[in-house]
Amino acid sequence: MTALDLTGRTAIVTGASRGIGLAIAQAIAAAGGNVVLTARTQEAADAAAAQVTGNAIGVGAHATDEAAARRCVELTVEHFGSVDILVNNAGTNPAYGPVVSQDHGRFAKTFDVNVWAPILWTSLVTEAWMGEHGGAVVNNASIGGLVLDPNIGMYNGAKAALIHLTKQMALELSPAIRVNAIAPGVVRTKLAEALWKDKEDAVATSIALNRIGEPGDIADAVAFLVSDAARWITGEILVIDGGQRLGDAPLFRSGASISV
């Protein structure tokens, strides 16, 4: 077996001030990697980096700000000597309700952050380092990109686009750069609060593994995907949902019966 040893490698994690992004940064650092955490402000980025044990710095860079993203990538190479890993984690969902009820502003923000930003950051790290030296990219999608849900169709549409683009970039950037995506289910984060807050027990019961996810559940999977243990994996979408997509778990558990 290949250990998840990231010693000597450097990762950029976007949207890493809290939740899944921060947990990913902590997991990469725990595996020996250097980590650059981005956030909308320098203060938030510094505060997040202070929560990482290991070699970590924070950089204020909004995910869709091309100039700030370019500066971040350049700083990463200057400071650590490489950028071997990119985790496009930043995400947002300002568009709630039916798709046809959304305005252009909410559409643009949803797709700019969830779709354009991963393309932007991937292009920058490819140009700066990975194109010549190789590397691994992980995009944070969602199981929403694989299913239909009421009221979050715009967000799910953006994540579906990201899933498609993950496969596209995996081919375009092969063989030097591996590109994969994760598709988390309901996780205890601020972004996903509307899906579990005040109804956690009911949501947990409906999931095969009987709980909602924690940021660390996602982070461990990402650490695997960017390591040599996943060296022959590219263009894949790793669903991490505790069995949520399998169906309503209580209907299938031992002892359950259905009247016909």
Protein backbone atom coordinates (compact mmCIF):
# COMPACT_ATOMS: atom_id res chain seq x y z
CA MET A 1 0.00 0.00 0.00
CA THR A 2 1.05 3.59 -0.64
CA ALA A 3 0.94 5.86 2.39
CA LEU A 4 -0.81 9.21 2.11
CA ASP A 5 2.53 11.02 2.37
CA LEU A 6 2.49 14.54 0.90
CA THR A 7 5.86 15.61 2.26
CA GLY A 8 7.51 18.16 0.00
CA ARG A 9 4.34 18.98 -1.91
CA THR A 10 2.45 22.25 -1.81
CA ALA A 11 -1.30 22.73 -2.03
CA ILE A 12 -3.57 25.69 -2.60
CA VAL A 13 -7.03 25.31 -1.07
CA THR A 14 -9.55 27.97 -2.10
CA GLY A 15 -12.34 29.02 0.22
CA ALA A 16 -10.48 27.56 3.19
CA SER A 17 -11.53 29.89 6.01
CA ARG A 18 -13.85 27.30 7.59
CA GLY A 19 -15.76 24.07 7.08
CA ILE A 20 -14.66 21.64 4.40
CA GLY A 21 -11.91 23.89 3.03
CA LEU A 22 -10.23 24.33 6.40
CA ALA A 23 -10.52 20.60 7.13
CA ILE A 24 -8.91 19.79 3.76
CA ALA A 25 -6.02 22.14 4.50
CA GLN A 26 -5.54 20.51 7.90
CA ALA A 27 -5.59 17.01 6.38
CA ILE A 28 -3.02 17.89 3.72
CA ALA A 29 -0.75 19.48 6.31
CA ALA A 30 -1.13 16.43 8.57
CA ALA A 31 0.11 14.32 5.64
CA GLY A 32 3.24 16.48 5.46
CA GLY A 33 2.24 18.95 2.76
CA ASN A 34 2.65 22.71 2.67
CA VAL A 35 -0.67 24.54 2.41
CA VAL A 36 -1.83 27.93 1.17
CA LEU A 37 -5.33 28.75 2.39
CA THR A 38 -7.33 31.40 0.58
CA ALA A 39 -10.27 33.43 1.86
CA ARG A 40 -12.06 36.59 0.84
CA THR A 41 -9.98 38.70 3.22
CA GLN A 42 -6.39 38.48 4.44
CA GLU A 43 -7.61 38.48 8.04
CA ALA A 44 -9.83 35.45 7.48
CA ALA A 45 -7.06 33.64 5.59
CA ASP A 46 -4.54 34.30 8.36
CA ALA A 47 -6.99 33.12 11.02
CA ALA A 48 -7.57 29.88 9.10
CA ALA A 49 -3.85 29.27 8.56
CA ALA A 50 -3.32 29.65 12.31
CA GLN A 51 -5.59 26.62 12.80
CA VAL A 52 -3.36 24.38 10.67
CA THR A 53 -0.54 22.44 12.28
CA GLY A 54 2.40 22.47 9.87
CA ASN A 55 3.60 24.72 7.08
CA ALA A 56 0.65 26.93 6.21
CA ILE A 57 0.08 30.50 5.12
CA GLY A 58 -3.07 32.46 4.38
CA VAL A 59 -3.67 34.60 1.33
CA GLY A 60 -6.59 36.94 0.85
CA ALA A 61 -7.97 36.16 -2.61
CA HIS A 62 -11.61 36.03 -3.64
CA ALA A 63 -12.13 32.97 -5.82
CA THR A 64 -13.25 34.95 -8.87
CA ASP A 65 -10.69 37.78 -8.64
CA GLU A 66 -8.24 36.90 -11.41
CA ALA A 67 -5.54 39.34 -10.33
CA ALA A 68 -5.68 38.12 -6.72
CA ALA A 69 -5.68 34.49 -7.85
CA ARG A 70 -2.63 35.07 -10.02
CA ARG A 71 -0.81 36.79 -7.14
CA CYS A 72 -1.67 33.87 -4.87
CA VAL A 73 -0.27 31.30 -7.28
CA GLU A 74 2.89 33.34 -7.83
CA LEU A 75 3.34 33.80 -4.08
CA THR A 76 2.88 30.07 -3.51
CA VAL A 77 5.66 29.19 -5.97
CA GLU A 78 7.94 31.89 -4.53
CA HIS A 79 7.33 30.86 -0.93
CA PHE A 80 7.30 27.06 -1.21
CA GLY A 81 8.94 26.43 -4.58
CA SER A 82 6.03 24.61 -6.23
CA VAL A 83 2.29 24.21 -6.46
CA ASP A 84 1.62 20.49 -6.76
CA ILE A 85 -1.98 20.35 -5.56
CA LEU A 86 -5.01 22.55 -6.15
CA VAL A 87 -8.30 22.06 -4.32
CA ASN A 88 -11.04 24.20 -5.84
CA ASN A 89 -13.23 24.28 -2.75
CA ALA A 90 -14.78 27.77 -2.81
CA GLY A 91 -18.52 27.65 -3.39
CA THR A 92 -21.69 29.66 -2.92
CA ASN A 93 -25.45 29.38 -3.31
CA PRO A 94 -27.26 32.73 -3.43
CA ALA A 95 -30.04 31.38 -5.67
CA TYR A 96 -32.84 29.65 -3.73
CA GLY A 97 -36.15 28.73 -5.32
CA PRO A 98 -37.25 27.62 -8.79
CA VAL A 99 -34.74 28.14 -11.59
CA VAL A 100 -37.17 30.31 -13.54
CA SER A 101 -37.52 32.64 -10.53
CA GLN A 102 -33.83 33.59 -10.49
CA ASP A 103 -32.38 36.83 -11.82
CA HIS A 104 -29.17 37.26 -13.79
CA GLY A 105 -27.25 38.54 -10.78
CA ARG A 106 -27.84 35.36 -8.76
CA PHE A 107 -27.18 33.21 -11.81
CA ALA A 108 -23.89 34.98 -12.52
CA LYS A 109 -22.66 34.74 -8.93
CA THR A 110 -23.59 31.06 -8.68
CA PHE A 111 -21.80 30.10 -11.89
CA ASP A 112 -18.86 32.49 -11.43
CA VAL A 113 -17.88 31.02 -8.06
CA ASN A 114 -18.85 27.38 -8.62
CA VAL A 115 -17.79 26.97 -12.27
CA TRP A 116 -15.60 29.80 -13.52
CA ALA A 117 -13.35 29.98 -10.43
CA PRO A 118 -12.21 26.32 -10.71
CA ILE A 119 -11.39 26.90 -14.39
CA LEU A 120 -9.49 30.09 -13.55
CA TRP A 121 -7.41 28.62 -10.73
CA THR A 122 -6.68 25.44 -12.66
CA SER A 123 -5.46 27.44 -15.64
CA LEU A 124 -3.19 29.53 -13.41
CA VAL A 125 -1.54 26.59 -11.63
CA THR A 126 -1.13 24.79 -14.95
CA GLU A 127 0.67 27.81 -16.39
CA ALA A 128 2.77 28.46 -13.30
CA TRP A 129 3.86 24.90 -12.41
CA MET A 130 1.75 21.85 -13.10
CA GLY A 131 1.89 22.01 -16.87
CA GLU A 132 5.61 21.25 -16.73
CA HIS A 133 5.94 19.36 -13.45
CA GLY A 134 2.59 17.61 -13.06
CA GLY A 135 0.13 17.75 -10.20
CA ALA A 136 -3.34 16.95 -8.91
CA VAL A 137 -6.52 19.02 -8.94
CA VAL A 138 -9.68 18.27 -6.97
CA ASN A 139 -12.91 20.17 -7.57
CA ASN A 140 -15.53 20.30 -4.82
CA ALA A 141 -18.80 19.51 -6.59
CA SER A 142 -21.88 18.08 -4.83
CA ILE A 143 -24.28 15.18 -5.07
CA GLY A 144 -26.63 17.95 -6.13
CA GLY A 145 -24.86 17.85 -9.48
CA LEU A 146 -26.04 14.25 -9.90
CA VAL A 147 -29.67 14.51 -8.77
CA LEU A 148 -32.69 16.82 -8.88
CA ASP A 149 -33.77 18.75 -5.79
CA PRO A 150 -36.40 21.44 -5.23
CA ASN A 151 -35.31 25.05 -4.76
CA ILE A 152 -31.57 24.57 -5.37
CA GLY A 153 -31.71 23.85 -9.08
CA MET A 154 -29.40 26.72 -10.00
CA TYR A 155 -26.73 25.54 -7.56
CA ASN A 156 -27.14 21.94 -8.70
CA GLY A 157 -26.88 23.03 -12.32
CA ALA A 158 -23.58 24.74 -11.57
CA LYS A 159 -22.26 21.65 -9.82
CA ALA A 160 -23.38 19.46 -12.74
CA ALA A 161 -21.40 21.74 -15.03
CA LEU A 162 -18.38 21.42 -12.76
CA ILE A 163 -18.64 17.64 -12.86
CA HIS A 164 -18.66 17.70 -16.66
CA LEU A 165 -15.74 20.13 -16.78
CA THR A 166 -13.77 17.95 -14.36
CA LYS A 167 -13.88 15.15 -16.92
CA GLN A 168 -13.09 17.55 -19.76
CA MET A 169 -10.05 18.98 -17.99
CA ALA A 170 -8.87 15.52 -16.96
CA LEU A 171 -8.49 14.68 -20.65
CA GLU A 172 -7.15 18.06 -21.72
CA LEU A 173 -4.49 18.15 -18.99
CA SER A 174 -3.49 14.49 -19.17
CA PRO A 175 -1.11 12.85 -18.60
CA ALA A 176 0.72 15.39 -16.43
CA ILE A 177 -2.18 16.59 -14.29
CA ARG A 178 -4.84 14.45 -12.64
CA VAL A 179 -8.21 16.14 -12.26
CA ASN A 180 -10.94 14.64 -10.09
CA ALA A 181 -13.98 15.88 -8.19
CA ILE A 182 -15.71 15.07 -4.95
CA ALA A 183 -19.48 15.08 -4.55
CA PRO A 184 -20.33 15.50 -0.86
CA GLY A 185 -23.77 14.86 0.55
CA VAL A 186 -25.20 16.74 3.53
CA VAL A 187 -22.24 17.95 5.61
CA ARG A 188 -22.20 20.00 8.80
CA THR A 189 -21.17 23.32 7.22
CA LYS A 190 -22.57 26.84 7.15
CA LEU A 191 -23.28 26.60 3.41
CA ALA A 192 -25.39 23.48 3.91
CA GLU A 193 -27.20 24.60 7.09
CA ALA A 194 -30.56 24.87 5.37
CA LEU A 195 -30.37 21.16 4.56
CA TRP A 196 -29.87 19.93 8.14
CA LYS A 197 -30.30 22.62 10.79
CA ASP A 198 -33.30 22.00 13.08
CA LYS A 199 -33.93 18.63 11.40
CA GLU A 200 -30.63 16.83 11.81
CA ASP A 201 -32.08 13.70 13.41
CA ALA A 202 -34.57 13.18 10.60
CA VAL A 203 -31.95 13.78 7.92
CA ALA A 204 -29.46 11.46 9.63
CA THR A 205 -32.02 8.68 9.94
CA SER A 206 -32.68 8.78 6.19
CA ILE A 207 -28.98 8.18 5.41
CA ALA A 208 -27.57 4.64 5.28
CA LEU A 209 -24.74 5.44 7.72
CA ASN A 210 -27.21 7.20 10.05
CA ARG A 211 -25.51 10.59 10.35
CA ILE A 212 -24.78 13.70 8.37
CA GLY A 213 -21.22 14.23 7.25
CA GLU A 214 -18.46 16.11 9.03
CA PRO A 215 -15.85 18.23 7.22
CA GLY A 216 -13.19 15.70 8.18
CA ASP A 217 -15.02 12.97 6.27
CA ILE A 218 -14.56 14.97 3.08
CA ALA A 219 -11.03 16.10 3.91
CA ASP A 220 -9.72 12.54 4.30
CA ALA A 221 -11.08 11.62 0.87
CA VAL A 222 -9.40 14.64 -0.72
CA ALA A 223 -6.08 13.78 0.93
CA PHE A 224 -6.37 10.37 -0.73
CA LEU A 225 -7.20 11.79 -4.17
CA VAL A 226 -4.20 14.15 -4.22
CA SER A 227 -1.77 11.49 -2.98
CA ASP A 228 0.13 8.81 -4.87
CA ALA A 229 -2.37 6.27 -3.54
CA ALA A 230 -4.71 7.67 -6.23
CA ARG A 231 -2.00 7.92 -8.89
CA TRP A 232 -4.10 6.02 -11.50
CA ILE A 233 -7.33 7.89 -10.89
CA THR A 234 -8.37 10.85 -13.03
CA GLY A 235 -11.62 12.23 -14.37
CA GLU A 236 -13.62 10.57 -11.59
CA ILE A 237 -16.35 11.89 -9.30
CA LEU A 238 -16.04 10.50 -5.77
CA VAL A 239 -19.42 10.57 -4.02
CA ILE A 240 -19.03 11.00 -0.26
CA ASP A 241 -22.53 10.99 1.19
CA GLY A 242 -22.83 8.18 3.74
CA GLY A 243 -25.10 6.32 1.35
CA GLN A 244 -27.57 9.19 1.00
CA ARG A 245 -28.16 8.59 -2.72
CA LEU A 246 -29.03 4.94 -2.14
CA GLY A 247 -32.51 5.80 -0.95
CA ASP A 248 -34.53 6.22 2.24
CA ALA A 249 -32.55 3.94 4.57
CA PRO A 250 -35.31 3.03 7.10
CA LEU A 251 -37.28 1.33 4.32
CA PHE A 252 -34.42 -1.08 3.74
CA ARG A 253 -33.09 -1.74 7.24
CA SER A 254 -33.53 -5.13 8.87
CA GLY A 255 -37.03 -5.63 10.21
CA ALA A 256 -38.66 -3.04 7.98
CA SER A 257 -41.71 -4.18 6.02
CA ILE A 258 -43.69 -2.67 3.22
CA SER A 259 -47.37 -3.36 2.61
CA VAL A 260 -48.35 -4.03 -0.96
